[in-house]
Amino acid sequence: MTYVVTESCIRCKYTDCVEVCPVDCFHEGPNFLVIDPDECIDCTLCVPECPVNAIFAEDDLPEDQRHFTQINADLAKNWPVITEKIPAPPDAAEWETKPDKLKYLER
C-alpha cells in the first residue's frame, strides 16, 4: 500500500507534508504535489500534516479520487523531489474547499 495525494492539493500545494517524510517520496509540480509509490514506505507521517486533508492511504481513497493513484505514479516519474517546506501559493486559501479542481492540474 502507498499513500496518494488527491485533488484537494491542486492549487493549494501546502508543503508541510514533505518535511516529515523520511524517504523523500514527494515530488513537486507547478501547482500540485505527488507521492512516488515506489518510494513511499507507508509511514503515515504526512497524513496529519496536510492542512487540506489531501493525503490518503491507497486503500482508503474516496471512490471519486481513485484515479489519483495513477496520476501520482505517472507524475512522480517526471517531477523533481521536494524535501523542504516552501511557501504556499499566495491564493492557496481561496482554493482549499473548491471542488472539481482536476481541470486546473498543471502537468
C-alpha atoms as a PDB file:
ATOM      1  CA  MET A   1       0.000   0.000   0.000  1.00  0.00           C
ATOM      2  CA  THR A   2       1.111   3.561  -0.668  1.00  0.00           C
ATOM      3  CA  TYR A   3      -0.212   6.994   0.155  1.00  0.00           C
ATOM      4  CA  VAL A   4      -1.766   9.188  -2.520  1.00  0.00           C
ATOM      5  CA  VAL A   5      -2.128  12.940  -2.883  1.00  0.00           C
ATOM      6  CA  THR A   6      -5.610  13.814  -4.116  1.00  0.00           C
ATOM      7  CA  GLU A   7      -7.462  16.681  -5.757  1.00  0.00           C
ATOM      8  CA  SER A   8      -7.593  18.850  -2.624  1.00  0.00           C
ATOM      9  CA  CYS A   9      -3.901  19.645  -3.100  1.00  0.00           C
ATOM     10  CA  ILE A  10      -4.340  21.199  -6.552  1.00  0.00           C
ATOM     11  CA  ARG A  11      -3.630  24.928  -6.443  1.00  0.00           C
ATOM     12  CA  CYS A  12      -3.132  24.782  -2.650  1.00  0.00           C
ATOM     13  CA  LYS A  13       0.178  22.916  -2.679  1.00  0.00           C
ATOM     14  CA  TYR A  14       0.938  23.205   1.008  1.00  0.00           C
ATOM     15  CA  THR A  15       4.256  21.502   1.625  1.00  0.00           C
ATOM     16  CA  ASP A  16       4.037  20.750   5.345  1.00  0.00           C
ATOM     17  CA  CYS A  17       3.977  17.057   4.427  1.00  0.00           C
ATOM     18  CA  VAL A  18       7.373  16.976   2.723  1.00  0.00           C
ATOM     19  CA  GLU A  19       9.277  17.957   5.870  1.00  0.00           C
ATOM     20  CA  VAL A  20       8.184  14.867   7.785  1.00  0.00           C
ATOM     21  CA  CYS A  21       8.744  12.323   5.013  1.00  0.00           C
ATOM     22  CA  PRO A  22      11.663  10.071   5.999  1.00  0.00           C
ATOM     23  CA  VAL A  23      12.244   8.781   2.454  1.00  0.00           C
ATOM     24  CA  ASP A  24      11.754  11.892   0.315  1.00  0.00           C
ATOM     25  CA  CYS A  25       8.924  10.420  -1.744  1.00  0.00           C
ATOM     26  CA  PHE A  26       7.197  13.728  -2.558  1.00  0.00           C
ATOM     27  CA  HIS A  27       7.579  15.284  -5.986  1.00  0.00           C
ATOM     28  CA  GLU A  28       6.653  18.843  -6.870  1.00  0.00           C
ATOM     29  CA  GLY A  29       4.818  20.079  -9.923  1.00  0.00           C
ATOM     30  CA  PRO A  30       3.712  23.590 -10.800  1.00  0.00           C
ATOM     31  CA  ASN A  31       0.580  23.515  -8.608  1.00  0.00           C
ATOM     32  CA  PHE A  32       0.377  20.043  -7.062  1.00  0.00           C
ATOM     33  CA  LEU A  33       2.432  17.512  -5.108  1.00  0.00           C
ATOM     34  CA  VAL A  34       2.520  13.771  -5.699  1.00  0.00           C
ATOM     35  CA  ILE A  35       3.860  10.766  -3.828  1.00  0.00           C
ATOM     36  CA  ASP A  36       6.102   8.273  -5.605  1.00  0.00           C
ATOM     37  CA  PRO A  37       4.512   4.888  -4.873  1.00  0.00           C
ATOM     38  CA  ASP A  38       7.852   3.128  -5.328  1.00  0.00           C
ATOM     39  CA  GLU A  39       9.461   5.242  -2.598  1.00  0.00           C
ATOM     40  CA  CYS A  40       6.606   5.578  -0.073  1.00  0.00           C
ATOM     41  CA  ILE A  41       7.088   3.355   2.977  1.00  0.00           C
ATOM     42  CA  ASP A  42       3.543   3.795   4.315  1.00  0.00           C
ATOM     43  CA  CYS A  43       4.685   5.536   7.482  1.00  0.00           C
ATOM     44  CA  THR A  44       1.583   7.804   7.693  1.00  0.00           C
ATOM     45  CA  LEU A  45       3.612  10.786   8.952  1.00  0.00           C
ATOM     46  CA  CYS A  46       2.468  13.036   6.105  1.00  0.00           C
ATOM     47  CA  VAL A  47      -1.259  12.497   6.562  1.00  0.00           C
ATOM     48  CA  PRO A  48      -1.841  14.679   9.657  1.00  0.00           C
ATOM     49  CA  GLU A  49       0.479  17.381   8.306  1.00  0.00           C
ATOM     50  CA  CYS A  50      -1.726  18.190   5.313  1.00  0.00           C
ATOM     51  CA  PRO A  51      -3.945  21.169   6.168  1.00  0.00           C
ATOM     52  CA  VAL A  52      -6.443  20.303   3.407  1.00  0.00           C
ATOM     53  CA  ASN A  53      -6.644  16.547   4.086  1.00  0.00           C
ATOM     54  CA  ALA A  54      -5.418  15.689   0.603  1.00  0.00           C
ATOM     55  CA  ILE A  55      -3.396  12.570   1.500  1.00  0.00           C
ATOM     56  CA  PHE A  56      -4.997   9.143   1.826  1.00  0.00           C
ATOM     57  CA  ALA A  57      -3.853   5.571   2.101  1.00  0.00           C
ATOM     58  CA  GLU A  58      -4.440   3.948  -1.268  1.00  0.00           C
ATOM     59  CA  ASP A  59      -6.949   1.535   0.276  1.00  0.00           C
ATOM     60  CA  ASP A  60      -8.880   4.414   1.871  1.00  0.00           C
ATOM     61  CA  LEU A  61      -9.214   6.651  -1.168  1.00  0.00           C
ATOM     62  CA  PRO A  62     -12.706   8.004  -1.737  1.00  0.00           C
ATOM     63  CA  GLU A  63     -14.205   6.439  -4.853  1.00  0.00           C
ATOM     64  CA  ASP A  64     -14.117   9.714  -6.789  1.00  0.00           C
ATOM     65  CA  GLN A  65     -10.387  10.120  -6.046  1.00  0.00           C
ATOM     66  CA  ARG A  66      -9.128   6.654  -7.031  1.00  0.00           C
ATOM     67  CA  HIS A  67      -7.750   7.900 -10.354  1.00  0.00           C
ATOM     68  CA  PHE A  68      -5.179   9.907  -8.381  1.00  0.00           C
ATOM     69  CA  THR A  69      -3.275   6.687  -7.672  1.00  0.00           C
ATOM     70  CA  GLN A  70      -2.210   6.562 -11.320  1.00  0.00           C
ATOM     71  CA  ILE A  71      -1.772  10.344 -11.550  1.00  0.00           C
ATOM     72  CA  ASN A  72       0.673  10.249  -8.615  1.00  0.00           C
ATOM     73  CA  ALA A  73       2.611   7.342 -10.113  1.00  0.00           C
ATOM     74  CA  ASP A  74       2.846   8.947 -13.543  1.00  0.00           C
ATOM     75  CA  LEU A  75       3.794  12.456 -12.450  1.00  0.00           C
ATOM     76  CA  ALA A  76       6.340  11.277  -9.855  1.00  0.00           C
ATOM     77  CA  LYS A  77       8.408   9.912 -12.743  1.00  0.00           C
ATOM     78  CA  ASN A  78       8.861  13.378 -14.262  1.00  0.00           C
ATOM     79  CA  TRP A  79       8.682  15.871 -11.411  1.00  0.00           C
ATOM     80  CA  PRO A  80      11.597  16.669  -9.084  1.00  0.00           C
ATOM     81  CA  VAL A  81      11.760  15.515  -5.478  1.00  0.00           C
ATOM     82  CA  ILE A  82      10.897  18.127  -2.873  1.00  0.00           C
ATOM     83  CA  THR A  83      12.284  17.753   0.653  1.00  0.00           C
ATOM     84  CA  GLU A  84      11.837  21.147   2.286  1.00  0.00           C
ATOM     85  CA  LYS A  85       8.779  23.201   3.064  1.00  0.00           C
ATOM     86  CA  ILE A  86       8.238  26.166   0.770  1.00  0.00           C
ATOM     87  CA  PRO A  87       5.627  28.926   0.969  1.00  0.00           C
ATOM     88  CA  ALA A  88       2.197  28.019  -0.339  1.00  0.00           C
ATOM     89  CA  PRO A  89       0.896  29.932  -3.338  1.00  0.00           C
ATOM     90  CA  PRO A  90      -0.465  33.353  -2.333  1.00  0.00           C
ATOM     91  CA  ASP A  91      -4.033  32.328  -3.221  1.00  0.00           C
ATOM     92  CA  ALA A  92      -3.887  28.844  -1.669  1.00  0.00           C
ATOM     93  CA  ALA A  93      -6.525  29.572   0.971  1.00  0.00           C
ATOM     94  CA  GLU A  94      -9.007  30.549  -1.750  1.00  0.00           C
ATOM     95  CA  TRP A  95      -8.650  27.081  -3.317  1.00  0.00           C
ATOM     96  CA  GLU A  96      -8.838  24.930  -0.171  1.00  0.00           C
ATOM     97  CA  THR A  97     -12.506  23.998  -0.436  1.00  0.00           C
ATOM     98  CA  LYS A  98     -13.160  24.354  -4.162  1.00  0.00           C
ATOM     99  CA  PRO A  99     -14.434  21.160  -5.811  1.00  0.00           C
ATOM    100  CA  ASP A 100     -13.569  19.755  -9.231  1.00  0.00           C
ATOM    101  CA  LYS A 101     -10.004  21.054  -9.390  1.00  0.00           C
ATOM    102  CA  LEU A 102      -8.549  18.358 -11.654  1.00  0.00           C
ATOM    103  CA  LYS A 103      -9.010  20.617 -14.677  1.00  0.00           C
ATOM    104  CA  TYR A 104      -6.546  23.051 -13.063  1.00  0.00           C
ATOM    105  CA  LEU A 105      -3.765  20.491 -12.617  1.00  0.00           C
ATOM    106  CA  GLU A 106      -0.677  21.707 -14.438  1.00  0.00           C
ATOM    107  CA  ARG A 107       1.410  18.814 -15.639  1.00  0.00           C
END
